[in-house]
Amino acid sequence: MINKGTSIIKAFYHTRHSKEQFSDFLRDYPNTKLGKNFNIYIKKLEWIERDFKTIPSLPQIVSEAMTKEMNGDILFPTAIAEKCLMLNEEQRETIEYLIDQMISGENIKVLKEKIEDENN
């Protein structure tokens, strides 16, 4: 993962995520006063997204990472985080280790092993 520009990519992600959350509210409550305000916020967030894409001084690696982010599933990181909350500490550490290894280029192969219950 790139270190320089990571904050910009995170800000871009959070902008997209905020837009998705406001949009989700609108799907549930389309004709409310709050919904009308959220429509305004969504338009502002869309402007920020467009502006991000046109900054000529962004380093190419940051621009490429933002393009990947644009094409990715915005809810994926949240879904992974929510699942990790259900794990115990040892399982979380294992997941973090696996992610770190994948980021560093390691090829990870997961084998599923079924453990038989001695009582059955």
PDB file of N, CA and C in Angstrom:
ATOM      1  N   MET A   1       0.838  -1.179   0.000  1.00  0.00           N
ATOM      2  CA  MET A   1       0.000   0.000   0.000  1.00  0.00           C
ATOM      3  C   MET A   1       0.883   1.243   0.000  1.00  0.00           C
ATOM      4  N   ILE A   2       0.401   2.273  -0.597  1.00  0.00           N
ATOM      5  CA  ILE A   2       1.174   3.502  -0.640  1.00  0.00           C
ATOM      6  C   ILE A   2       1.074   4.222   0.688  1.00  0.00           C
ATOM      7  N   ASN A   3       2.168   4.846   1.100  1.00  0.00           N
ATOM      8  CA  ASN A   3       2.149   5.613   2.340  1.00  0.00           C
ATOM      9  C   ASN A   3       1.829   7.065   2.058  1.00  0.00           C
ATOM     10  N   LYS A   4       2.470   7.633   1.045  1.00  0.00           N
ATOM     11  CA  LYS A   4       2.196   9.021   0.695  1.00  0.00           C
ATOM     12  C   LYS A   4       0.835   9.093   0.022  1.00  0.00           C
ATOM     13  N   GLY A   5       0.038  10.009   0.466  1.00  0.00           N
ATOM     14  CA  GLY A   5      -1.285  10.164  -0.131  1.00  0.00           C
ATOM     15  C   GLY A   5      -2.358   9.320   0.512  1.00  0.00           C
ATOM     16  N   THR A   6      -1.993   8.517   1.506  1.00  0.00           N
ATOM     17  CA  THR A   6      -2.979   7.656   2.151  1.00  0.00           C
ATOM     18  C   THR A   6      -4.097   8.475   2.788  1.00  0.00           C
ATOM     19  N   SER A   7      -3.745   9.603   3.375  1.00  0.00           N
ATOM     20  CA  SER A   7      -4.774  10.449   4.003  1.00  0.00           C
ATOM     21  C   SER A   7      -5.765  10.964   2.975  1.00  0.00           C
ATOM     22  N   ILE A   8      -5.281  11.306   1.787  1.00  0.00           N
ATOM     23  CA  ILE A   8      -6.169  11.789   0.724  1.00  0.00           C
ATOM     24  C   ILE A   8      -7.116  10.675   0.301  1.00  0.00           C
ATOM     25  N   ILE A   9      -6.587   9.474   0.152  1.00  0.00           N
ATOM     26  CA  ILE A   9      -7.417   8.338  -0.264  1.00  0.00           C
ATOM     27  C   ILE A   9      -8.455   8.029   0.809  1.00  0.00           C
ATOM     28  N   LYS A  10      -8.059   8.098   2.070  1.00  0.00           N
ATOM     29  CA  LYS A  10      -9.012   7.874   3.163  1.00  0.00           C
ATOM     30  C   LYS A  10     -10.103   8.937   3.150  1.00  0.00           C
ATOM     31  N   ALA A  11      -9.716  10.190   2.936  1.00  0.00           N
ATOM     32  CA  ALA A  11     -10.708  11.267   2.874  1.00  0.00           C
ATOM     33  C   ALA A  11     -11.676  11.025   1.722  1.00  0.00           C
ATOM     34  N   PHE A  12     -11.149  10.593   0.583  1.00  0.00           N
ATOM     35  CA  PHE A  12     -11.977  10.290  -0.573  1.00  0.00           C
ATOM     36  C   PHE A  12     -12.943   9.150  -0.253  1.00  0.00           C
ATOM     37  N   TYR A  13     -12.421   8.099   0.390  1.00  0.00           N
ATOM     38  CA  TYR A  13     -13.266   6.974   0.802  1.00  0.00           C
ATOM     39  C   TYR A  13     -14.391   7.454   1.717  1.00  0.00           C
ATOM     40  N   HIS A  14     -14.054   8.262   2.713  1.00  0.00           N
ATOM     41  CA  HIS A  14     -15.067   8.722   3.671  1.00  0.00           C
ATOM     42  C   HIS A  14     -16.093   9.641   3.017  1.00  0.00           C
ATOM     43  N   THR A  15     -15.662  10.391   2.022  1.00  0.00           N
ATOM     44  CA  THR A  15     -16.605  11.216   1.261  1.00  0.00           C
ATOM     45  C   THR A  15     -17.612  10.319   0.551  1.00  0.00           C
ATOM     46  N   ARG A  16     -17.102   9.291  -0.126  1.00  0.00           N
ATOM     47  CA  ARG A  16     -17.985   8.345  -0.830  1.00  0.00           C
ATOM     48  C   ARG A  16     -18.879   7.601   0.155  1.00  0.00           C
ATOM     49  N   HIS A  17     -18.321   7.208   1.281  1.00  0.00           N
ATOM     50  CA  HIS A  17     -19.094   6.463   2.278  1.00  0.00           C
ATOM     51  C   HIS A  17     -20.202   7.343   2.852  1.00  0.00           C
ATOM     52  N   SER A  18     -19.891   8.598   3.126  1.00  0.00           N
ATOM     53  CA  SER A  18     -20.911   9.525   3.633  1.00  0.00           C
ATOM     54  C   SER A  18     -22.042   9.679   2.624  1.00  0.00           C
ATOM     55  N   LYS A  19     -21.679   9.814   1.366  1.00  0.00           N
ATOM     56  CA  LYS A  19     -22.700   9.941   0.321  1.00  0.00           C
ATOM     57  C   LYS A  19     -23.600   8.708   0.303  1.00  0.00           C
ATOM     58  N   GLU A  20     -23.014   7.549   0.456  1.00  0.00           N
ATOM     59  CA  GLU A  20     -23.797   6.304   0.458  1.00  0.00           C
ATOM     60  C   GLU A  20     -24.729   6.247   1.666  1.00  0.00           C
ATOM     61  N   GLN A  21     -24.264   6.697   2.825  1.00  0.00           N
ATOM     62  CA  GLN A  21     -25.099   6.680   4.024  1.00  0.00           C
ATOM     63  C   GLN A  21     -26.274   7.649   3.894  1.00  0.00           C
ATOM     64  N   PHE A  22     -26.017   8.843   3.361  1.00  0.00           N
ATOM     65  CA  PHE A  22     -27.110   9.800   3.129  1.00  0.00           C
ATOM     66  C   PHE A  22     -28.104   9.227   2.117  1.00  0.00           C
ATOM     67  N   SER A  23     -27.579   8.589   1.070  1.00  0.00           N
ATOM     68  CA  SER A  23     -28.446   7.993   0.042  1.00  0.00           C
ATOM     69  C   SER A  23     -29.291   6.869   0.632  1.00  0.00           C
ATOM     70  N   ASP A  24     -28.700   6.090   1.525  1.00  0.00           N
ATOM     71  CA  ASP A  24     -29.429   5.006   2.170  1.00  0.00           C
ATOM     72  C   ASP A  24     -30.606   5.564   2.985  1.00  0.00           C
ATOM     73  N   PHE A  25     -30.363   6.643   3.702  1.00  0.00           N
ATOM     74  CA  PHE A  25     -31.438   7.285   4.453  1.00  0.00           C
ATOM     75  C   PHE A  25     -32.545   7.732   3.499  1.00  0.00           C
ATOM     76  N   LEU A  26     -32.154   8.306   2.371  1.00  0.00           N
ATOM     77  CA  LEU A  26     -33.141   8.793   1.400  1.00  0.00           C
ATOM     78  C   LEU A  26     -33.991   7.662   0.820  1.00  0.00           C
ATOM     79  N   ARG A  27     -33.390   6.505   0.667  1.00  0.00           N
ATOM     80  CA  ARG A  27     -34.168   5.363   0.162  1.00  0.00           C
ATOM     81  C   ARG A  27     -35.272   4.981   1.149  1.00  0.00           C
ATOM     82  N   ASP A  28     -35.002   5.138   2.434  1.00  0.00           N
ATOM     83  CA  ASP A  28     -35.988   4.802   3.463  1.00  0.00           C
ATOM     84  C   ASP A  28     -36.977   5.936   3.737  1.00  0.00           C
ATOM     85  N   TYR A  29     -36.508   7.178   3.625  1.00  0.00           N
ATOM     86  CA  TYR A  29     -37.346   8.345   3.957  1.00  0.00           C
ATOM     87  C   TYR A  29     -37.217   9.410   2.857  1.00  0.00           C
ATOM     88  N   PRO A  30     -37.746   9.122   1.670  1.00  0.00           N
ATOM     89  CA  PRO A  30     -37.500   9.999   0.526  1.00  0.00           C
ATOM     90  C   PRO A  30     -38.150  11.377   0.604  1.00  0.00           C
ATOM     91  N   ASN A  31     -39.286  11.511   1.214  1.00  0.00           N
ATOM     92  CA  ASN A  31     -40.015  12.781   1.164  1.00  0.00           C
ATOM     93  C   ASN A  31     -40.077  13.480   2.515  1.00  0.00           C
ATOM     94  N   THR A  32     -38.976  13.455   3.241  1.00  0.00           N
ATOM     95  CA  THR A  32     -38.946  14.110   4.545  1.00  0.00           C
ATOM     96  C   THR A  32     -38.118  15.392   4.453  1.00  0.00           C
ATOM     97  N   LYS A  33     -38.313  16.256   5.427  1.00  0.00           N
ATOM     98  CA  LYS A  33     -37.527  17.497   5.467  1.00  0.00           C
ATOM     99  C   LYS A  33     -36.041  17.178   5.588  1.00  0.00           C
ATOM    100  N   LEU A  34     -35.715  16.224   6.455  1.00  0.00           N
ATOM    101  CA  LEU A  34     -34.321  15.820   6.622  1.00  0.00           C
ATOM    102  C   LEU A  34     -33.783  15.235   5.312  1.00  0.00           C
ATOM    103  N   GLY A  35     -34.628  14.464   4.632  1.00  0.00           N
ATOM    104  CA  GLY A  35     -34.234  13.896   3.347  1.00  0.00           C
ATOM    105  C   GLY A  35     -33.899  14.971   2.331  1.00  0.00           C
ATOM    106  N   LYS A  36     -34.652  16.056   2.327  1.00  0.00           N
ATOM    107  CA  LYS A  36     -34.367  17.164   1.409  1.00  0.00           C
ATOM    108  C   LYS A  36     -33.005  17.786   1.720  1.00  0.00           C
ATOM    109  N   ASN A  37     -32.712  17.927   3.016  1.00  0.00           N
ATOM    110  CA  ASN A  37     -31.386  18.422   3.396  1.00  0.00           C
ATOM    111  C   ASN A  37     -30.295  17.467   2.943  1.00  0.00           C
ATOM    112  N   PHE A  38     -30.534  16.170   3.126  1.00  0.00           N
ATOM    113  CA  PHE A  38     -29.537  15.184   2.724  1.00  0.00           C
ATOM    114  C   PHE A  38     -29.300  15.214   1.221  1.00  0.00           C
ATOM    115  N   ASN A  39     -30.331  15.508   0.439  1.00  0.00           N
ATOM    116  CA  ASN A  39     -30.145  15.657  -1.011  1.00  0.00           C
ATOM    117  C   ASN A  39     -29.139  16.757  -1.315  1.00  0.00           C
ATOM    118  N   ILE A  40     -29.217  17.840  -0.561  1.00  0.00           N
ATOM    119  CA  ILE A  40     -28.262  18.939  -0.737  1.00  0.00           C
ATOM    120  C   ILE A  40     -26.851  18.467  -0.379  1.00  0.00           C
ATOM    121  N   TYR A  41     -26.735  17.730   0.729  1.00  0.00           N
ATOM    122  CA  TYR A  41     -25.426  17.219   1.143  1.00  0.00           C
ATOM    123  C   TYR A  41     -24.851  16.277   0.081  1.00  0.00           C
ATOM    124  N   ILE A  42     -25.708  15.421  -0.473  1.00  0.00           N
ATOM    125  CA  ILE A  42     -25.260  14.478  -1.503  1.00  0.00           C
ATOM    126  C   ILE A  42     -24.703  15.229  -2.702  1.00  0.00           C
ATOM    127  N   LYS A  43     -25.373  16.273  -3.122  1.00  0.00           N
ATOM    128  CA  LYS A  43     -24.889  17.073  -4.250  1.00  0.00           C
ATOM    129  C   LYS A  43     -23.525  17.686  -3.941  1.00  0.00           C
ATOM    130  N   LYS A  44     -23.345  18.153  -2.709  1.00  0.00           N
ATOM    131  CA  LYS A  44     -22.055  18.719  -2.311  1.00  0.00           C
ATOM    132  C   LYS A  44     -20.962  17.649  -2.301  1.00  0.00           C
ATOM    133  N   LEU A  45     -21.307  16.457  -1.792  1.00  0.00           N
ATOM    134  CA  LEU A  45     -20.337  15.359  -1.779  1.00  0.00           C
ATOM    135  C   LEU A  45     -19.984  14.916  -3.197  1.00  0.00           C
ATOM    136  N   GLU A  46     -20.961  14.918  -4.099  1.00  0.00           N
ATOM    137  CA  GLU A  46     -20.688  14.592  -5.502  1.00  0.00           C
ATOM    138  C   GLU A  46     -19.746  15.621  -6.118  1.00  0.00           C
ATOM    139  N   TRP A  47     -19.931  16.897  -5.752  1.00  0.00           N
ATOM    140  CA  TRP A  47     -19.030  17.931  -6.250  1.00  0.00           C
ATOM    141  C   TRP A  47     -17.609  17.658  -5.755  1.00  0.00           C
ATOM    142  N   ILE A  48     -17.479  17.296  -4.472  1.00  0.00           N
ATOM    143  CA  ILE A  48     -16.154  16.990  -3.915  1.00  0.00           C
ATOM    144  C   ILE A  48     -15.531  15.817  -4.672  1.00  0.00           C
ATOM    145  N   GLU A  49     -16.312  14.771  -4.941  1.00  0.00           N
ATOM    146  CA  GLU A  49     -15.801  13.620  -5.700  1.00  0.00           C
ATOM    147  C   GLU A  49     -15.275  14.056  -7.068  1.00  0.00           C
ATOM    148  N   ARG A  50     -16.068  14.845  -7.785  1.00  0.00           N
ATOM    149  CA  ARG A  50     -15.643  15.313  -9.111  1.00  0.00           C
ATOM    150  C   ARG A  50     -14.384  16.163  -9.007  1.00  0.00           C
ATOM    151  N   ASP A  51     -14.336  17.018  -7.995  1.00  0.00           N
ATOM    152  CA  ASP A  51     -13.184  17.889  -7.816  1.00  0.00           C
ATOM    153  C   ASP A  51     -11.928  17.076  -7.518  1.00  0.00           C
ATOM    154  N   PHE A  52     -12.061  16.057  -6.671  1.00  0.00           N
ATOM    155  CA  PHE A  52     -10.936  15.167  -6.367  1.00  0.00           C
ATOM    156  C   PHE A  52     -10.332  14.608  -7.651  1.00  0.00           C
ATOM    157  N   LYS A  53     -11.192  14.189  -8.564  1.00  0.00           N
ATOM    158  CA  LYS A  53     -10.728  13.523  -9.786  1.00  0.00           C
ATOM    159  C   LYS A  53      -9.996  14.471 -10.735  1.00  0.00           C
ATOM    160  N   THR A  54     -10.194  15.771 -10.562  1.00  0.00           N
ATOM    161  CA  THR A  54      -9.614  16.712 -11.516  1.00  0.00           C
ATOM    162  C   THR A  54      -8.435  17.496 -10.955  1.00  0.00           C
ATOM    163  N   ILE A  55      -7.943  17.126  -9.785  1.00  0.00           N
ATOM    164  CA  ILE A  55      -6.792  17.825  -9.207  1.00  0.00           C
ATOM    165  C   ILE A  55      -5.539  17.416  -9.996  1.00  0.00           C
ATOM    166  N   PRO A  56      -4.979  18.332 -10.784  1.00  0.00           N
ATOM    167  CA  PRO A  56      -3.837  17.953 -11.630  1.00  0.00           C
ATOM    168  C   PRO A  56      -2.561  17.693 -10.843  1.00  0.00           C
ATOM    169  N   SER A  57      -2.452  18.227  -9.635  1.00  0.00           N
ATOM    170  CA  SER A  57      -1.214  18.077  -8.877  1.00  0.00           C
ATOM    171  C   SER A  57      -1.157  16.799  -8.041  1.00  0.00           C
ATOM    172  N   LEU A  58      -2.208  15.961  -8.111  1.00  0.00           N
ATOM    173  CA  LEU A  58      -2.164  14.697  -7.369  1.00  0.00           C
ATOM    174  C   LEU A  58      -1.087  13.788  -7.954  1.00  0.00           C
ATOM    175  N   PRO A  59      -0.277  13.194  -7.106  1.00  0.00           N
ATOM    176  CA  PRO A  59       0.689  12.218  -7.637  1.00  0.00           C
ATOM    177  C   PRO A  59      -0.048  11.084  -8.356  1.00  0.00           C
ATOM    178  N   GLN A  60       0.558  10.539  -9.392  1.00  0.00           N
ATOM    179  CA  GLN A  60      -0.092   9.513 -10.196  1.00  0.00           C
ATOM    180  C   GLN A  60      -0.510   8.310  -9.353  1.00  0.00           C
ATOM    181  N   ILE A  61       0.321   7.900  -8.410  1.00  0.00           N
ATOM    182  CA  ILE A  61      -0.003   6.728  -7.591  1.00  0.00           C
ATOM    183  C   ILE A  61      -1.253   6.979  -6.741  1.00  0.00           C
ATOM    184  N   VAL A  62      -1.427   8.213  -6.268  1.00  0.00           N
ATOM    185  CA  VAL A  62      -2.617   8.566  -5.494  1.00  0.00           C
ATOM    186  C   VAL A  62      -3.834   8.587  -6.408  1.00  0.00           C
ATOM    187  N   SER A  63      -3.672   9.158  -7.580  1.00  0.00           N
ATOM    188  CA  SER A  63      -4.763   9.212  -8.549  1.00  0.00           C
ATOM    189  C   SER A  63      -5.222   7.805  -8.939  1.00  0.00           C
ATOM    190  N   GLU A  64      -4.264   6.898  -9.151  1.00  0.00           N
ATOM    191  CA  GLU A  64      -4.594   5.510  -9.499  1.00  0.00           C
ATOM    192  C   GLU A  64      -5.311   4.816  -8.343  1.00  0.00           C
ATOM    193  N   ALA A  65      -4.861   5.051  -7.122  1.00  0.00           N
ATOM    194  CA  ALA A  65      -5.507   4.437  -5.958  1.00  0.00           C
ATOM    195  C   ALA A  65      -6.931   4.962  -5.799  1.00  0.00           C
ATOM    196  N   MET A  66      -7.136   6.250  -6.085  1.00  0.00           N
ATOM    197  CA  MET A  66      -8.475   6.818  -5.995  1.00  0.00           C
ATOM    198  C   MET A  66      -9.385   6.230  -7.069  1.00  0.00           C
ATOM    199  N   THR A  67      -8.840   5.980  -8.255  1.00  0.00           N
ATOM    200  CA  THR A  67      -9.626   5.349  -9.319  1.00  0.00           C
ATOM    201  C   THR A  67     -10.047   3.951  -8.902  1.00  0.00           C
ATOM    202  N   LYS A  68      -9.133   3.202  -8.293  1.00  0.00           N
ATOM    203  CA  LYS A  68      -9.481   1.871  -7.776  1.00  0.00           C
ATOM    204  C   LYS A  68     -10.583   1.978  -6.746  1.00  0.00           C
ATOM    205  N   GLU A  69     -10.461   2.971  -5.864  1.00  0.00           N
ATOM    206  CA  GLU A  69     -11.457   3.179  -4.816  1.00  0.00           C
ATOM    207  C   GLU A  69     -12.813   3.493  -5.431  1.00  0.00           C
ATOM    208  N   MET A  70     -12.827   4.270  -6.494  1.00  0.00           N
ATOM    209  CA  MET A  70     -14.079   4.623  -7.171  1.00  0.00           C
ATOM    210  C   MET A  70     -14.781   3.387  -7.716  1.00  0.00           C
ATOM    211  N   ASN A  71     -13.992   2.442  -8.188  1.00  0.00           N
ATOM    212  CA  ASN A  71     -14.558   1.239  -8.805  1.00  0.00           C
ATOM    213  C   ASN A  71     -14.843   0.137  -7.796  1.00  0.00           C
ATOM    214  N   GLY A  72     -14.439   0.339  -6.544  1.00  0.00           N
ATOM    215  CA  GLY A  72     -14.628  -0.684  -5.526  1.00  0.00           C
ATOM    216  C   GLY A  72     -15.978  -0.563  -4.831  1.00  0.00           C
ATOM    217  N   ASP A  73     -16.279  -1.573  -4.069  1.00  0.00           N
ATOM    218  CA  ASP A  73     -17.510  -1.612  -3.280  1.00  0.00           C
ATOM    219  C   ASP A  73     -17.305  -0.768  -2.029  1.00  0.00           C
ATOM    220  N   ILE A  74     -18.008   0.336  -1.933  1.00  0.00           N
ATOM    221  CA  ILE A  74     -17.813   1.279  -0.834  1.00  0.00           C
ATOM    222  C   ILE A  74     -18.167   0.673   0.521  1.00  0.00           C
ATOM    223  N   LEU A  75     -19.046  -0.302   0.551  1.00  0.00           N
ATOM    224  CA  LEU A  75     -19.469  -0.890   1.823  1.00  0.00           C
ATOM    225  C   LEU A  75     -18.608  -2.082   2.244  1.00  0.00           C
ATOM    226  N   PHE A  76     -17.709  -2.531   1.382  1.00  0.00           N
ATOM    227  CA  PHE A  76     -16.885  -3.698   1.693  1.00  0.00           C
ATOM    228  C   PHE A  76     -16.050  -3.515   2.963  1.00  0.00           C
ATOM    229  N   PRO A  77     -15.284  -2.411   3.108  1.00  0.00           N
ATOM    230  CA  PRO A  77     -14.487  -2.268   4.339  1.00  0.00           C
ATOM    231  C   PRO A  77     -15.343  -2.255   5.605  1.00  0.00           C
ATOM    232  N   THR A  78     -16.502  -1.639   5.535  1.00  0.00           N
ATOM    233  CA  THR A  78     -17.384  -1.601   6.697  1.00  0.00           C
ATOM    234  C   THR A  78     -17.878  -3.004   7.035  1.00  0.00           C
ATOM    235  N   ALA A  79     -18.235  -3.774   6.008  1.00  0.00           N
ATOM    236  CA  ALA A  79     -18.708  -5.142   6.234  1.00  0.00           C
ATOM    237  C   ALA A  79     -17.621  -5.996   6.881  1.00  0.00           C
ATOM    238  N   ILE A  80     -16.387  -5.843   6.418  1.00  0.00           N
ATOM    239  CA  ILE A  80     -15.269  -6.594   7.004  1.00  0.00           C
ATOM    240  C   ILE A  80     -15.055  -6.178   8.460  1.00  0.00           C
ATOM    241  N   ALA A  81     -15.086  -4.871   8.727  1.00  0.00           N
ATOM    242  CA  ALA A  81     -14.893  -4.387  10.103  1.00  0.00           C
ATOM    243  C   ALA A  81     -15.980  -4.925  11.025  1.00  0.00           C
ATOM    244  N   GLU A  82     -17.218  -4.936  10.555  1.00  0.00           N
ATOM    245  CA  GLU A  82     -18.319  -5.447  11.379  1.00  0.00           C
ATOM    246  C   GLU A  82     -18.135  -6.927  11.688  1.00  0.00           C
ATOM    247  N   LYS A  83     -17.655  -7.689  10.722  1.00  0.00           N
ATOM    248  CA  LYS A  83     -17.421  -9.118  10.957  1.00  0.00           C
ATOM    249  C   LYS A  83     -16.259  -9.324  11.930  1.00  0.00           C
ATOM    250  N   CYS A  84     -15.232  -8.492  11.811  1.00  0.00           N
ATOM    251  CA  CYS A  84     -14.085  -8.620  12.719  1.00  0.00           C
ATOM    252  C   CYS A  84     -14.475  -8.357  14.169  1.00  0.00           C
ATOM    253  N   LEU A  85     -15.469  -7.520  14.375  1.00  0.00           N
ATOM    254  CA  LEU A  85     -15.924  -7.247  15.734  1.00  0.00           C
ATOM    255  C   LEU A  85     -16.493  -8.491  16.408  1.00  0.00           C
ATOM    256  N   MET A  86     -16.934  -9.460  15.617  1.00  0.00           N
ATOM    257  CA  MET A  86     -17.509 -10.690  16.174  1.00  0.00           C
ATOM    258  C   MET A  86     -16.442 -11.732  16.511  1.00  0.00           C
ATOM    259  N   LEU A  87     -15.190 -11.453  16.161  1.00  0.00           N
ATOM    260  CA  LEU A  87     -14.107 -12.399  16.413  1.00  0.00           C
ATOM    261  C   LEU A  87     -13.485 -12.165  17.776  1.00  0.00           C
ATOM    262  N   ASN A  88     -12.861 -13.206  18.314  1.00  0.00           N
ATOM    263  CA  ASN A  88     -12.117 -13.021  19.558  1.00  0.00           C
ATOM    264  C   ASN A  88     -10.748 -12.414  19.225  1.00  0.00           C
ATOM    265  N   GLU A  89      -9.995 -12.036  20.233  1.00  0.00           N
ATOM    266  CA  GLU A  89      -8.734 -11.320  20.038  1.00  0.00           C
ATOM    267  C   GLU A  89      -7.741 -12.122  19.182  1.00  0.00           C
ATOM    268  N   GLU A  90      -7.633 -13.400  19.447  1.00  0.00           N
ATOM    269  CA  GLU A  90      -6.701 -14.241  18.687  1.00  0.00           C
ATOM    270  C   GLU A  90      -7.096 -14.307  17.211  1.00  0.00           C
ATOM    271  N   GLN A  91      -8.387 -14.427  16.943  1.00  0.00           N
ATOM    272  CA  GLN A  91      -8.857 -14.457  15.561  1.00  0.00           C
ATOM    273  C   GLN A  91      -8.600 -13.127  14.853  1.00  0.00           C
ATOM    274  N   ARG A  92      -8.800 -12.027  15.561  1.00  0.00           N
ATOM    275  CA  ARG A  92      -8.528 -10.709  14.970  1.00  0.00           C
ATOM    276  C   ARG A  92      -7.058 -10.562  14.613  1.00  0.00           C
ATOM    277  N   GLU A  93      -6.199 -11.015  15.512  1.00  0.00           N
ATOM    278  CA  GLU A  93      -4.759 -10.937  15.251  1.00  0.00           C
ATOM    279  C   GLU A  93      -4.383 -11.788  14.040  1.00  0.00           C
ATOM    280  N   THR A  94      -5.019 -12.928  13.883  1.00  0.00           N
ATOM    281  CA  THR A  94      -4.766 -13.782  12.724  1.00  0.00           C
ATOM    282  C   THR A  94      -5.194 -13.078  11.439  1.00  0.00           C
ATOM    283  N   ILE A  95      -6.371 -12.463  11.460  1.00  0.00           N
ATOM    284  CA  ILE A  95      -6.858 -11.743  10.283  1.00  0.00           C
ATOM    285  C   ILE A  95      -5.912 -10.592   9.948  1.00  0.00           C
ATOM    286  N   GLU A  96      -5.493  -9.851  10.951  1.00  0.00           N
ATOM    287  CA  GLU A  96      -4.575  -8.731  10.712  1.00  0.00           C
ATOM    288  C   GLU A  96      -3.258  -9.234  10.115  1.00  0.00           C
ATOM    289  N   TYR A  97      -2.749 -10.330  10.645  1.00  0.00           N
ATOM    290  CA  TYR A  97      -1.510 -10.920  10.127  1.00  0.00           C
ATOM    291  C   TYR A  97      -1.679 -11.317   8.657  1.00  0.00           C
ATOM    292  N   LEU A  98      -2.792 -11.987   8.353  1.00  0.00           N
ATOM    293  CA  LEU A  98      -3.035 -12.412   6.972  1.00  0.00           C
ATOM    294  C   LEU A  98      -3.115 -11.211   6.021  1.00  0.00           C
ATOM    295  N   ILE A  99      -3.804 -10.178   6.453  1.00  0.00           N
ATOM    296  CA  ILE A  99      -3.913  -8.975   5.618  1.00  0.00           C
ATOM    297  C   ILE A  99      -2.540  -8.354   5.397  1.00  0.00           C
ATOM    298  N   ASP A 100      -1.751  -8.243   6.460  1.00  0.00           N
ATOM    299  CA  ASP A 100      -0.405  -7.680   6.324  1.00  0.00           C
ATOM    300  C   ASP A 100       0.440  -8.496   5.352  1.00  0.00           C
ATOM    301  N   GLN A 101       0.321  -9.816   5.426  1.00  0.00           N
ATOM    302  CA  GLN A 101       1.086 -10.675   4.526  1.00  0.00           C
ATOM    303  C   GLN A 101       0.648 -10.489   3.075  1.00  0.00           C
ATOM    304  N   MET A 102      -0.658 -10.398   2.845  1.00  0.00           N
ATOM    305  CA  MET A 102      -1.164 -10.190   1.486  1.00  0.00           C
ATOM    306  C   MET A 102      -0.709  -8.849   0.932  1.00  0.00           C
ATOM    307  N   ILE A 103      -0.736  -7.820   1.771  1.00  0.00           N
ATOM    308  CA  ILE A 103      -0.304  -6.492   1.334  1.00  0.00           C
ATOM    309  C   ILE A 103       1.166  -6.502   0.939  1.00  0.00           C
ATOM    310  N   SER A 104       1.964  -7.271   1.663  1.00  0.00           N
ATOM    311  CA  SER A 104       3.388  -7.334   1.355  1.00  0.00           C
ATOM    312  C   SER A 104       3.690  -8.217   0.149  1.00  0.00           C
ATOM    313  N   GLY A 105       2.654  -8.808  -0.444  1.00  0.00           N
ATOM    314  CA  GLY A 105       2.849  -9.606  -1.657  1.00  0.00           C
ATOM    315  C   GLY A 105       2.873 -11.106  -1.436  1.00  0.00           C
ATOM    316  N   GLU A 106       2.708 -11.520  -0.212  1.00  0.00           N
ATOM    317  CA  GLU A 106       2.708 -12.955   0.109  1.00  0.00           C
ATOM    318  C   GLU A 106       1.474 -13.623  -0.506  1.00  0.00           C
ATOM    319  N   ASN A 107       1.661 -14.818  -1.030  1.00  0.00           N
ATOM    320  CA  ASN A 107       0.554 -15.603  -1.563  1.00  0.00           C
ATOM    321  C   ASN A 107      -0.001 -16.453  -0.424  1.00  0.00           C
ATOM    322  N   ILE A 108      -1.257 -16.226  -0.078  1.00  0.00           N
ATOM    323  CA  ILE A 108      -1.881 -16.913   1.062  1.00  0.00           C
ATOM    324  C   ILE A 108      -2.849 -17.963   0.527  1.00  0.00           C
ATOM    325  N   LYS A 109      -2.741 -19.159   1.069  1.00  0.00           N
ATOM    326  CA  LYS A 109      -3.667 -20.232   0.708  1.00  0.00           C
ATOM    327  C   LYS A 109      -4.358 -20.674   1.992  1.00  0.00           C
ATOM    328  N   VAL A 110      -5.676 -20.654   1.988  1.00  0.00           N
ATOM    329  CA  VAL A 110      -6.446 -21.014   3.172  1.00  0.00           C
ATOM    330  C   VAL A 110      -7.009 -22.418   2.976  1.00  0.00           C
ATOM    331  N   LEU A 111      -6.748 -23.269   3.939  1.00  0.00           N
ATOM    332  CA  LEU A 111      -7.285 -24.621   3.916  1.00  0.00           C
ATOM    333  C   LEU A 111      -8.322 -24.742   5.016  1.00  0.00           C
ATOM    334  N   LYS A 112      -9.467 -25.247   4.669  1.00  0.00           N
ATOM    335  CA  LYS A 112     -10.525 -25.399   5.656  1.00  0.00           C
ATOM    336  C   LYS A 112     -10.412 -26.795   6.268  1.00  0.00           C
ATOM    337  N   GLU A 113     -10.357 -26.827   7.569  1.00  0.00           N
ATOM    338  CA  GLU A 113     -10.238 -28.096   8.278  1.00  0.00           C
ATOM    339  C   GLU A 113     -11.420 -28.223   9.219  1.00  0.00           C
ATOM    340  N   LYS A 114     -12.154 -29.297   9.072  1.00  0.00           N
ATOM    341  CA  LYS A 114     -13.306 -29.517   9.939  1.00  0.00           C
ATOM    342  C   LYS A 114     -12.835 -30.273  11.172  1.00  0.00           C
ATOM    343  N   ILE A 115     -13.156 -29.724  12.330  1.00  0.00           N
ATOM    344  CA  ILE A 115     -12.795 -30.352  13.595  1.00  0.00           C
ATOM    345  C   ILE A 115     -14.012 -31.079  14.116  1.00  0.00           C
ATOM    346  N   GLU A 116     -13.868 -32.358  14.305  1.00  0.00           N
ATOM    347  CA  GLU A 116     -14.981 -33.189  14.788  1.00  0.00           C
ATOM    348  C   GLU A 116     -15.166 -32.973  16.276  1.00  0.00           C
ATOM    349  N   ASP A 117     -16.394 -32.870  16.677  1.00  0.00           N
ATOM    350  CA  ASP A 117     -16.744 -32.735  18.097  1.00  0.00           C
ATOM    351  C   ASP A 117     -16.634 -34.121  18.725  1.00  0.00           C
ATOM    352  N   GLU A 118     -15.864 -34.208  19.814  1.00  0.00           N
ATOM    353  CA  GLU A 118     -15.658 -35.498  20.467  1.00  0.00           C
ATOM    354  C   GLU A 118     -16.942 -36.067  21.051  1.00  0.00           C
ATOM    355  N   ASN A 119     -17.944 -35.237  21.319  1.00  0.00           N
ATOM    356  CA  ASN A 119     -19.191 -35.691  21.913  1.00  0.00           C
ATOM    357  C   ASN A 119     -20.122 -36.324  20.885  1.00  0.00           C
ATOM    358  N   ASN A 120     -19.865 -36.168  19.611  1.00  0.00           N
ATOM    359  CA  ASN A 120     -20.726 -36.741  18.562  1.00  0.00           C
ATOM    360  C   ASN A 120     -20.162 -37.997  18.001  1.00  0.00           C
TER     361      ASN A 120
END
